[in-house]
Each structure stands twice: as C-alpha cells, then as structure tokens.
Amino acid sequence: MPPPTSTQPATLTVEEAAQVLRIGRTTAYALAREWRPTGGRSGLPVLELGRTVRVPRAALDRILDVRVATPSGDTSHR
C-alpha cells in the first residue's frame, strides 16, 4: 500500500480496513475490540478518538508486509 496522499487518508474506518484485508465487517470489528485489552499484542490496530475508531494506514501496511517463514525455512512475503 502506498503512503497516504491527499487522495489517500492516513486513517481508515474499520469497514474500509476490512475491505483492504479482505475480511468481513464483523471480523474486523471483533479484531478492533481485541486490540486494546491485549495491549496491542493481537487484533486490528486502532486509534480511539472519543467514540470514533480509525485504523492507521501505516498499521495496515505493516500487517500486509509481514514476512512469513515457509516450510523450507526461507522467508517470503505473504
């Protein structure tokens, strides 16, 4: 995902993040609720601004850029 520009906001709604991650809306909200109680160890990273919840685009970039070890021991992008 490219860095935010004037047409790409720095934050997304949970529903927009769900579309990027290709997961369901309900799953995305469940992951967002999981973020705070786990101290960020699991779940969908979110910013809580009053009653509004937003997902930082940079956090999605990190999630999508995770390197995964393959069975042969090599690392590759998902």
C-alpha atoms as a PDB file:
ATOM      1  CA  MET A   1       0.000   0.000   0.000  1.00  0.00           C
ATOM      2  CA  PRO A   2       1.498   3.365  -0.967  1.00  0.00           C
ATOM      3  CA  PRO A   3       1.984   6.121   1.619  1.00  0.00           C
ATOM      4  CA  PRO A   4      -1.015   8.375   2.256  1.00  0.00           C
ATOM      5  CA  THR A   5      -1.516  11.220  -0.197  1.00  0.00           C
ATOM      6  CA  SER A   6      -4.149  13.903  -0.494  1.00  0.00           C
ATOM      7  CA  THR A   7      -6.454  11.267  -2.003  1.00  0.00           C
ATOM      8  CA  GLN A   8      -5.445   8.522   0.434  1.00  0.00           C
ATOM      9  CA  PRO A   9      -6.235   9.300   4.061  1.00  0.00           C
ATOM     10  CA  ALA A  10      -3.806   8.403   6.845  1.00  0.00           C
ATOM     11  CA  THR A  11      -6.602   6.538   8.643  1.00  0.00           C
ATOM     12  CA  LEU A  12      -9.399   4.245   7.517  1.00  0.00           C
ATOM     13  CA  THR A  13     -12.688   3.219   9.038  1.00  0.00           C
ATOM     14  CA  VAL A  14     -12.842  -0.335  10.336  1.00  0.00           C
ATOM     15  CA  GLU A  15     -15.055  -1.235   7.377  1.00  0.00           C
ATOM     16  CA  GLU A  16     -12.560   0.223   4.889  1.00  0.00           C
ATOM     17  CA  ALA A  17      -9.734  -1.690   6.581  1.00  0.00           C
ATOM     18  CA  ALA A  18     -11.811  -4.868   6.348  1.00  0.00           C
ATOM     19  CA  GLN A  19     -12.073  -4.377   2.589  1.00  0.00           C
ATOM     20  CA  VAL A  20      -8.308  -3.887   2.273  1.00  0.00           C
ATOM     21  CA  LEU A  21      -7.657  -7.023   4.337  1.00  0.00           C
ATOM     22  CA  ARG A  22     -10.443  -8.923   2.555  1.00  0.00           C
ATOM     23  CA  ILE A  23     -12.105  -9.929   5.807  1.00  0.00           C
ATOM     24  CA  GLY A  24     -15.678  -9.466   6.927  1.00  0.00           C
ATOM     25  CA  ARG A  25     -17.010  -6.413   8.716  1.00  0.00           C
ATOM     26  CA  THR A  26     -17.932  -8.390  11.829  1.00  0.00           C
ATOM     27  CA  THR A  27     -14.481  -9.981  11.988  1.00  0.00           C
ATOM     28  CA  ALA A  28     -12.805  -6.597  11.584  1.00  0.00           C
ATOM     29  CA  TYR A  29     -14.803  -5.076  14.441  1.00  0.00           C
ATOM     30  CA  ALA A  30     -14.059  -8.105  16.632  1.00  0.00           C
ATOM     31  CA  LEU A  31     -10.336  -7.699  15.906  1.00  0.00           C
ATOM     32  CA  ALA A  32     -10.555  -3.962  16.621  1.00  0.00           C
ATOM     33  CA  ARG A  33     -12.171  -4.691  20.017  1.00  0.00           C
ATOM     34  CA  GLU A  34      -9.368  -7.186  20.751  1.00  0.00           C
ATOM     35  CA  TRP A  35      -6.579  -4.616  20.212  1.00  0.00           C
ATOM     36  CA  ARG A  36      -6.906  -2.559  23.400  1.00  0.00           C
ATOM     37  CA  PRO A  37      -7.356  -5.311  26.036  1.00  0.00           C
ATOM     38  CA  THR A  38      -4.337  -7.212  24.680  1.00  0.00           C
ATOM     39  CA  GLY A  39      -2.127  -4.141  24.778  1.00  0.00           C
ATOM     40  CA  GLY A  40      -1.655  -4.366  21.028  1.00  0.00           C
ATOM     41  CA  ARG A  41      -0.357  -7.937  21.060  1.00  0.00           C
ATOM     42  CA  SER A  42      -3.223  -9.094  18.856  1.00  0.00           C
ATOM     43  CA  GLY A  43      -6.143  -7.705  16.968  1.00  0.00           C
ATOM     44  CA  LEU A  44      -6.531  -4.870  14.489  1.00  0.00           C
ATOM     45  CA  PRO A  45      -4.552  -1.738  15.438  1.00  0.00           C
ATOM     46  CA  VAL A  46      -6.924   1.157  16.023  1.00  0.00           C
ATOM     47  CA  LEU A  47      -6.963   4.755  17.197  1.00  0.00           C
ATOM     48  CA  GLU A  48      -9.837   5.564  19.534  1.00  0.00           C
ATOM     49  CA  LEU A  49     -10.923   9.171  19.133  1.00  0.00           C
ATOM     50  CA  GLY A  50     -13.820   9.589  21.500  1.00  0.00           C
ATOM     51  CA  ARG A  51     -16.476   7.208  20.203  1.00  0.00           C
ATOM     52  CA  THR A  52     -14.832   7.069  16.766  1.00  0.00           C
ATOM     53  CA  VAL A  53     -12.449   4.246  15.847  1.00  0.00           C
ATOM     54  CA  ARG A  54      -9.970   4.525  12.974  1.00  0.00           C
ATOM     55  CA  VAL A  55      -7.315   2.169  11.632  1.00  0.00           C
ATOM     56  CA  PRO A  56      -3.975   3.820  10.799  1.00  0.00           C
ATOM     57  CA  ARG A  57      -2.958   3.120   7.185  1.00  0.00           C
ATOM     58  CA  ALA A  58       0.648   2.625   8.369  1.00  0.00           C
ATOM     59  CA  ALA A  59      -0.522  -0.199  10.659  1.00  0.00           C
ATOM     60  CA  LEU A  60      -2.227  -1.911   7.718  1.00  0.00           C
ATOM     61  CA  ASP A  61       0.977  -1.533   5.713  1.00  0.00           C
ATOM     62  CA  ARG A  62       2.891  -3.333   8.477  1.00  0.00           C
ATOM     63  CA  ILE A  63       0.288  -6.116   8.678  1.00  0.00           C
ATOM     64  CA  LEU A  64       0.399  -6.637   4.920  1.00  0.00           C
ATOM     65  CA  ASP A  65       4.208  -6.569   4.803  1.00  0.00           C
ATOM     66  CA  VAL A  66       4.802  -9.307   7.380  1.00  0.00           C
ATOM     67  CA  ARG A  67       7.410 -11.817   6.327  1.00  0.00           C
ATOM     68  CA  VAL A  68       6.380 -15.424   6.825  1.00  0.00           C
ATOM     69  CA  ALA A  69       8.718 -18.382   7.161  1.00  0.00           C
ATOM     70  CA  THR A  70       7.981 -21.091   4.607  1.00  0.00           C
ATOM     71  CA  PRO A  71       8.322 -24.810   5.445  1.00  0.00           C
ATOM     72  CA  SER A  72      11.754 -24.821   3.759  1.00  0.00           C
ATOM     73  CA  GLY A  73      12.933 -22.101   6.131  1.00  0.00           C
ATOM     74  CA  ASP A  74      13.010 -19.359   3.501  1.00  0.00           C
ATOM     75  CA  THR A  75      11.178 -16.117   4.169  1.00  0.00           C
ATOM     76  CA  SER A  76       8.845 -14.546   1.704  1.00  0.00           C
ATOM     77  CA  HIS A  77       6.036 -12.049   1.644  1.00  0.00           C
ATOM     78  CA  ARG A  78       2.535 -13.328   2.074  1.00  0.00           C
END
